Amino acid sequence: MNTENLVWEDLNAQIEMPDTVKPWLIDDQSLTHKLKQKFEDFSVSVLSQTQTQVHENERSLINTQADCIIREVELLGNQQVVVFARSIIPITHDTEGLRTIGGKPLGEILFNDSNIVRGRLQITHIDDIWGRRSIFTIGNTQLLVSEFFLKNLYA
């Protein structure tokens, strides 16, 4: 999924969104937890996790000059892809443990550590795919998590 040229808006902007996807977009809790409640069979498929160039709009949002790992995964519910997620993880001492999680859901780590703080939500959409993103702060490092909700999730 090409995420480079998307237009993002703060969640509190007056944006009309479909009732079917709204509960997923506005929920500020762990998406992993919510998906595990909805689907008996939940899994993560890691598409890529590489040190590569970050889109300029992502780098400026998290305000880092550090090299970054880009992690792209599919979240599956009952063996169907329901969410595509892209995470930007700067390579710093603060993120050392995140860079080796393999197929473990990133959300389990981010929401189970009370020292990790989540920033405000932003939303976007292209055609019938809606997405949200937010910054998580770990120590002195910000990372960006973007999640895109596919029709299989709420159809």
C-alpha atoms as a PDB file:
ATOM      1  CA  MET A   1       0.000   0.000   0.000  1.00  0.00           C
ATOM      2  CA  ASN A   2       1.421   3.381  -0.968  1.00  0.00           C
ATOM      3  CA  THR A   3       1.157   5.696   2.026  1.00  0.00           C
ATOM      4  CA  GLU A   4       3.457   8.468   0.848  1.00  0.00           C
ATOM      5  CA  ASN A   5       0.993  11.075  -0.447  1.00  0.00           C
ATOM      6  CA  LEU A   6      -1.970  10.615   1.877  1.00  0.00           C
ATOM      7  CA  VAL A   7      -3.623  13.644   3.457  1.00  0.00           C
ATOM      8  CA  TRP A   8      -4.039  13.274   7.225  1.00  0.00           C
ATOM      9  CA  GLU A   9      -6.372  15.271   9.476  1.00  0.00           C
ATOM     10  CA  ASP A  10      -6.740  15.436  13.232  1.00  0.00           C
ATOM     11  CA  LEU A  11      -9.447  13.148  14.529  1.00  0.00           C
ATOM     12  CA  ASN A  12     -11.320  16.065  16.091  1.00  0.00           C
ATOM     13  CA  ALA A  13     -11.788  17.700  12.655  1.00  0.00           C
ATOM     14  CA  GLN A  14     -15.357  17.550  11.360  1.00  0.00           C
ATOM     15  CA  ILE A  15     -14.915  14.602   9.012  1.00  0.00           C
ATOM     16  CA  GLU A  16     -17.769  12.340   8.049  1.00  0.00           C
ATOM     17  CA  MET A  17     -16.836   8.713   8.297  1.00  0.00           C
ATOM     18  CA  PRO A  18     -18.920   5.579   7.756  1.00  0.00           C
ATOM     19  CA  ASP A  19     -20.629   4.250  10.890  1.00  0.00           C
ATOM     20  CA  THR A  20     -19.100   0.812  10.206  1.00  0.00           C
ATOM     21  CA  VAL A  21     -15.498   2.032  10.436  1.00  0.00           C
ATOM     22  CA  LYS A  22     -15.919   4.857  12.965  1.00  0.00           C
ATOM     23  CA  PRO A  23     -15.568   2.643  16.090  1.00  0.00           C
ATOM     24  CA  TRP A  24     -12.228   1.391  14.755  1.00  0.00           C
ATOM     25  CA  LEU A  25     -10.924   4.850  13.859  1.00  0.00           C
ATOM     26  CA  ILE A  26     -11.781   6.657  17.074  1.00  0.00           C
ATOM     27  CA  ASP A  27     -10.826   3.934  19.566  1.00  0.00           C
ATOM     28  CA  ASP A  28      -7.678   5.010  21.399  1.00  0.00           C
ATOM     29  CA  GLN A  29      -7.061   1.624  22.999  1.00  0.00           C
ATOM     30  CA  SER A  30      -4.999  -1.291  21.703  1.00  0.00           C
ATOM     31  CA  LEU A  31      -6.048  -2.410  18.232  1.00  0.00           C
ATOM     32  CA  THR A  32      -4.424  -5.785  18.882  1.00  0.00           C
ATOM     33  CA  HIS A  33      -6.620  -6.318  21.941  1.00  0.00           C
ATOM     34  CA  LYS A  34      -9.753  -5.284  20.037  1.00  0.00           C
ATOM     35  CA  LEU A  35      -8.955  -7.623  17.133  1.00  0.00           C
ATOM     36  CA  LYS A  36      -8.319 -10.531  19.496  1.00  0.00           C
ATOM     37  CA  GLN A  37     -11.765  -9.925  20.998  1.00  0.00           C
ATOM     38  CA  LYS A  38     -13.440  -9.856  17.573  1.00  0.00           C
ATOM     39  CA  PHE A  39     -11.654 -12.793  15.947  1.00  0.00           C
ATOM     40  CA  GLU A  40     -11.142 -16.246  17.400  1.00  0.00           C
ATOM     41  CA  ASP A  41      -8.089 -16.683  15.175  1.00  0.00           C
ATOM     42  CA  PHE A  42      -5.818 -13.587  15.181  1.00  0.00           C
ATOM     43  CA  SER A  43      -2.317 -13.452  13.711  1.00  0.00           C
ATOM     44  CA  VAL A  44       0.328 -11.088  12.387  1.00  0.00           C
ATOM     45  CA  SER A  45       2.034 -11.506   9.031  1.00  0.00           C
ATOM     46  CA  VAL A  46       5.236  -9.472   8.756  1.00  0.00           C
ATOM     47  CA  LEU A  47       5.528  -8.219   5.173  1.00  0.00           C
ATOM     48  CA  SER A  48       8.799  -6.377   5.699  1.00  0.00           C
ATOM     49  CA  GLN A  49      11.004  -4.926   8.389  1.00  0.00           C
ATOM     50  CA  THR A  50      13.897  -3.034   6.868  1.00  0.00           C
ATOM     51  CA  GLN A  51      16.108  -0.053   7.418  1.00  0.00           C
ATOM     52  CA  THR A  52      15.121   2.195   4.537  1.00  0.00           C
ATOM     53  CA  GLN A  53      14.048   5.699   3.590  1.00  0.00           C
ATOM     54  CA  VAL A  54      11.118   7.164   5.490  1.00  0.00           C
ATOM     55  CA  HIS A  55       8.576   9.367   3.695  1.00  0.00           C
ATOM     56  CA  GLU A  56       9.291  13.029   4.411  1.00  0.00           C
ATOM     57  CA  ASN A  57       5.839  13.572   5.967  1.00  0.00           C
ATOM     58  CA  GLU A  58       6.566  10.733   8.415  1.00  0.00           C
ATOM     59  CA  ARG A  59      10.079  11.905   9.325  1.00  0.00           C
ATOM     60  CA  SER A  60       8.944  15.482   9.951  1.00  0.00           C
ATOM     61  CA  LEU A  61       6.017  14.285  12.093  1.00  0.00           C
ATOM     62  CA  ILE A  62       8.223  12.321  14.481  1.00  0.00           C
ATOM     63  CA  ASN A  63      10.994  14.904  14.212  1.00  0.00           C
ATOM     64  CA  THR A  64      13.951  12.532  13.971  1.00  0.00           C
ATOM     65  CA  GLN A  65      17.208  12.480  12.104  1.00  0.00           C
ATOM     66  CA  ALA A  66      17.961   8.920  13.247  1.00  0.00           C
ATOM     67  CA  ASP A  67      17.971   6.048  10.793  1.00  0.00           C
ATOM     68  CA  CYS A  68      14.659   4.193  10.950  1.00  0.00           C
ATOM     69  CA  ILE A  69      13.257   0.722  10.624  1.00  0.00           C
ATOM     70  CA  ILE A  70      10.046   0.535   8.619  1.00  0.00           C
ATOM     71  CA  ARG A  71       7.877  -2.380   9.681  1.00  0.00           C
ATOM     72  CA  GLU A  72       4.899  -3.305   7.505  1.00  0.00           C
ATOM     73  CA  VAL A  73       2.505  -6.016   8.620  1.00  0.00           C
ATOM     74  CA  GLU A  74      -0.877  -7.467   7.870  1.00  0.00           C
ATOM     75  CA  LEU A  75      -3.159  -8.235  10.789  1.00  0.00           C
ATOM     76  CA  LEU A  76      -5.320 -11.252  10.085  1.00  0.00           C
ATOM     77  CA  GLY A  77      -8.642 -12.174  11.632  1.00  0.00           C
ATOM     78  CA  ASN A  78      -9.835 -15.710  10.915  1.00  0.00           C
ATOM     79  CA  GLN A  79      -7.118 -15.935   8.244  1.00  0.00           C
ATOM     80  CA  GLN A  80      -8.307 -12.847   6.323  1.00  0.00           C
ATOM     81  CA  VAL A  81      -6.326  -9.620   6.110  1.00  0.00           C
ATOM     82  CA  VAL A  82      -8.287  -7.004   8.053  1.00  0.00           C
ATOM     83  CA  VAL A  83      -5.639  -4.334   8.767  1.00  0.00           C
ATOM     84  CA  PHE A  84      -2.449  -3.148   7.071  1.00  0.00           C
ATOM     85  CA  ALA A  85      -0.038  -1.425   9.467  1.00  0.00           C
ATOM     86  CA  ARG A  86       3.110   0.613   8.840  1.00  0.00           C
ATOM     87  CA  SER A  87       5.357   1.557  11.738  1.00  0.00           C
ATOM     88  CA  ILE A  88       8.326   3.920  11.659  1.00  0.00           C
ATOM     89  CA  ILE A  89      10.778   2.970  14.393  1.00  0.00           C
ATOM     90  CA  PRO A  90      13.840   5.206  14.802  1.00  0.00           C
ATOM     91  CA  ILE A  91      16.997   3.285  15.642  1.00  0.00           C
ATOM     92  CA  THR A  92      17.799   4.529  19.134  1.00  0.00           C
ATOM     93  CA  HIS A  93      18.546   3.021  22.531  1.00  0.00           C
ATOM     94  CA  ASP A  94      14.858   3.567  23.465  1.00  0.00           C
ATOM     95  CA  THR A  95      13.601   1.300  20.650  1.00  0.00           C
ATOM     96  CA  GLU A  96      16.162  -1.493  20.960  1.00  0.00           C
ATOM     97  CA  GLY A  97      13.606  -4.057  22.142  1.00  0.00           C
ATOM     98  CA  LEU A  98      11.071  -3.199  19.438  1.00  0.00           C
ATOM     99  CA  ARG A  99      13.357  -3.971  16.545  1.00  0.00           C
ATOM    100  CA  THR A 100      13.483  -7.705  17.271  1.00  0.00           C
ATOM    101  CA  ILE A 101       9.843  -8.573  17.975  1.00  0.00           C
ATOM    102  CA  GLY A 102       9.379 -10.675  14.837  1.00  0.00           C
ATOM    103  CA  GLY A 103       5.741 -11.720  14.433  1.00  0.00           C
ATOM    104  CA  LYS A 104       4.663 -10.434  17.824  1.00  0.00           C
ATOM    105  CA  PRO A 105       2.072  -7.621  17.628  1.00  0.00           C
ATOM    106  CA  LEU A 106       3.668  -4.215  18.224  1.00  0.00           C
ATOM    107  CA  GLY A 107       0.472  -3.099  19.981  1.00  0.00           C
ATOM    108  CA  GLU A 108       0.997  -5.645  22.758  1.00  0.00           C
ATOM    109  CA  ILE A 109       4.255  -3.946  23.652  1.00  0.00           C
ATOM    110  CA  LEU A 110       3.117  -0.348  23.224  1.00  0.00           C
ATOM    111  CA  PHE A 111      -0.024  -0.689  25.327  1.00  0.00           C
ATOM    112  CA  ASN A 112       1.443  -2.885  28.047  1.00  0.00           C
ATOM    113  CA  ASP A 113       4.141  -0.409  29.080  1.00  0.00           C
ATOM    114  CA  SER A 114       2.827   2.507  31.146  1.00  0.00           C
ATOM    115  CA  ASN A 115       5.959   4.514  30.300  1.00  0.00           C
ATOM    116  CA  ILE A 116       4.971   4.638  26.617  1.00  0.00           C
ATOM    117  CA  VAL A 117       2.729   7.606  25.806  1.00  0.00           C
ATOM    118  CA  ARG A 118       0.389   7.779  22.804  1.00  0.00           C
ATOM    119  CA  GLY A 119      -0.219  11.069  21.030  1.00  0.00           C
ATOM    120  CA  ARG A 120      -3.318  12.296  19.251  1.00  0.00           C
ATOM    121  CA  LEU A 121      -4.968  10.357  16.443  1.00  0.00           C
ATOM    122  CA  GLN A 122      -5.040  11.501  12.834  1.00  0.00           C
ATOM    123  CA  ILE A 123      -7.207   9.934  10.145  1.00  0.00           C
ATOM    124  CA  THR A 124      -7.166   9.589   6.384  1.00  0.00           C
ATOM    125  CA  HIS A 125      -8.999   7.711   3.668  1.00  0.00           C
ATOM    126  CA  ILE A 126      -8.579   6.744   0.075  1.00  0.00           C
ATOM    127  CA  ASP A 127     -11.607   5.237  -1.602  1.00  0.00           C
ATOM    128  CA  ASP A 128     -13.062   2.749   0.910  1.00  0.00           C
ATOM    129  CA  ILE A 129      -9.867   2.284   2.944  1.00  0.00           C
ATOM    130  CA  TRP A 130      -9.753   4.347   6.117  1.00  0.00           C
ATOM    131  CA  GLY A 131      -6.660   4.776   8.234  1.00  0.00           C
ATOM    132  CA  ARG A 132      -5.431   6.312  11.439  1.00  0.00           C
ATOM    133  CA  ARG A 133      -2.005   7.113  12.782  1.00  0.00           C
ATOM    134  CA  SER A 134      -0.474   8.295  16.014  1.00  0.00           C
ATOM    135  CA  ILE A 135       2.878   8.930  17.603  1.00  0.00           C
ATOM    136  CA  PHE A 136       4.080   6.844  20.520  1.00  0.00           C
ATOM    137  CA  THR A 137       6.813   8.274  22.739  1.00  0.00           C
ATOM    138  CA  ILE A 138       9.303   5.893  24.345  1.00  0.00           C
ATOM    139  CA  GLY A 139      11.835   7.726  26.468  1.00  0.00           C
ATOM    140  CA  ASN A 140      13.177  10.449  24.179  1.00  0.00           C
ATOM    141  CA  THR A 141      12.150   8.683  20.962  1.00  0.00           C
ATOM    142  CA  GLN A 142       8.970   9.061  18.945  1.00  0.00           C
ATOM    143  CA  LEU A 143       7.735   6.325  16.654  1.00  0.00           C
ATOM    144  CA  LEU A 144       4.831   6.475  14.234  1.00  0.00           C
ATOM    145  CA  VAL A 145       2.196   3.773  13.832  1.00  0.00           C
ATOM    146  CA  SER A 146      -0.263   3.928  10.914  1.00  0.00           C
ATOM    147  CA  GLU A 147      -3.135   1.435  10.632  1.00  0.00           C
ATOM    148  CA  PHE A 148      -5.393   0.973   7.606  1.00  0.00           C
ATOM    149  CA  PHE A 149      -8.717  -0.770   8.046  1.00  0.00           C
ATOM    150  CA  LEU A 150      -9.746  -3.038   5.182  1.00  0.00           C
ATOM    151  CA  LYS A 151     -13.319  -3.958   4.278  1.00  0.00           C
ATOM    152  CA  ASN A 152     -12.903  -7.514   5.634  1.00  0.00           C
ATOM    153  CA  LEU A 153     -12.795  -5.965   9.107  1.00  0.00           C
ATOM    154  CA  TYR A 154     -16.209  -4.376   9.118  1.00  0.00           C
ATOM    155  CA  ALA A 155     -18.089  -5.673   6.070  1.00  0.00           C
END
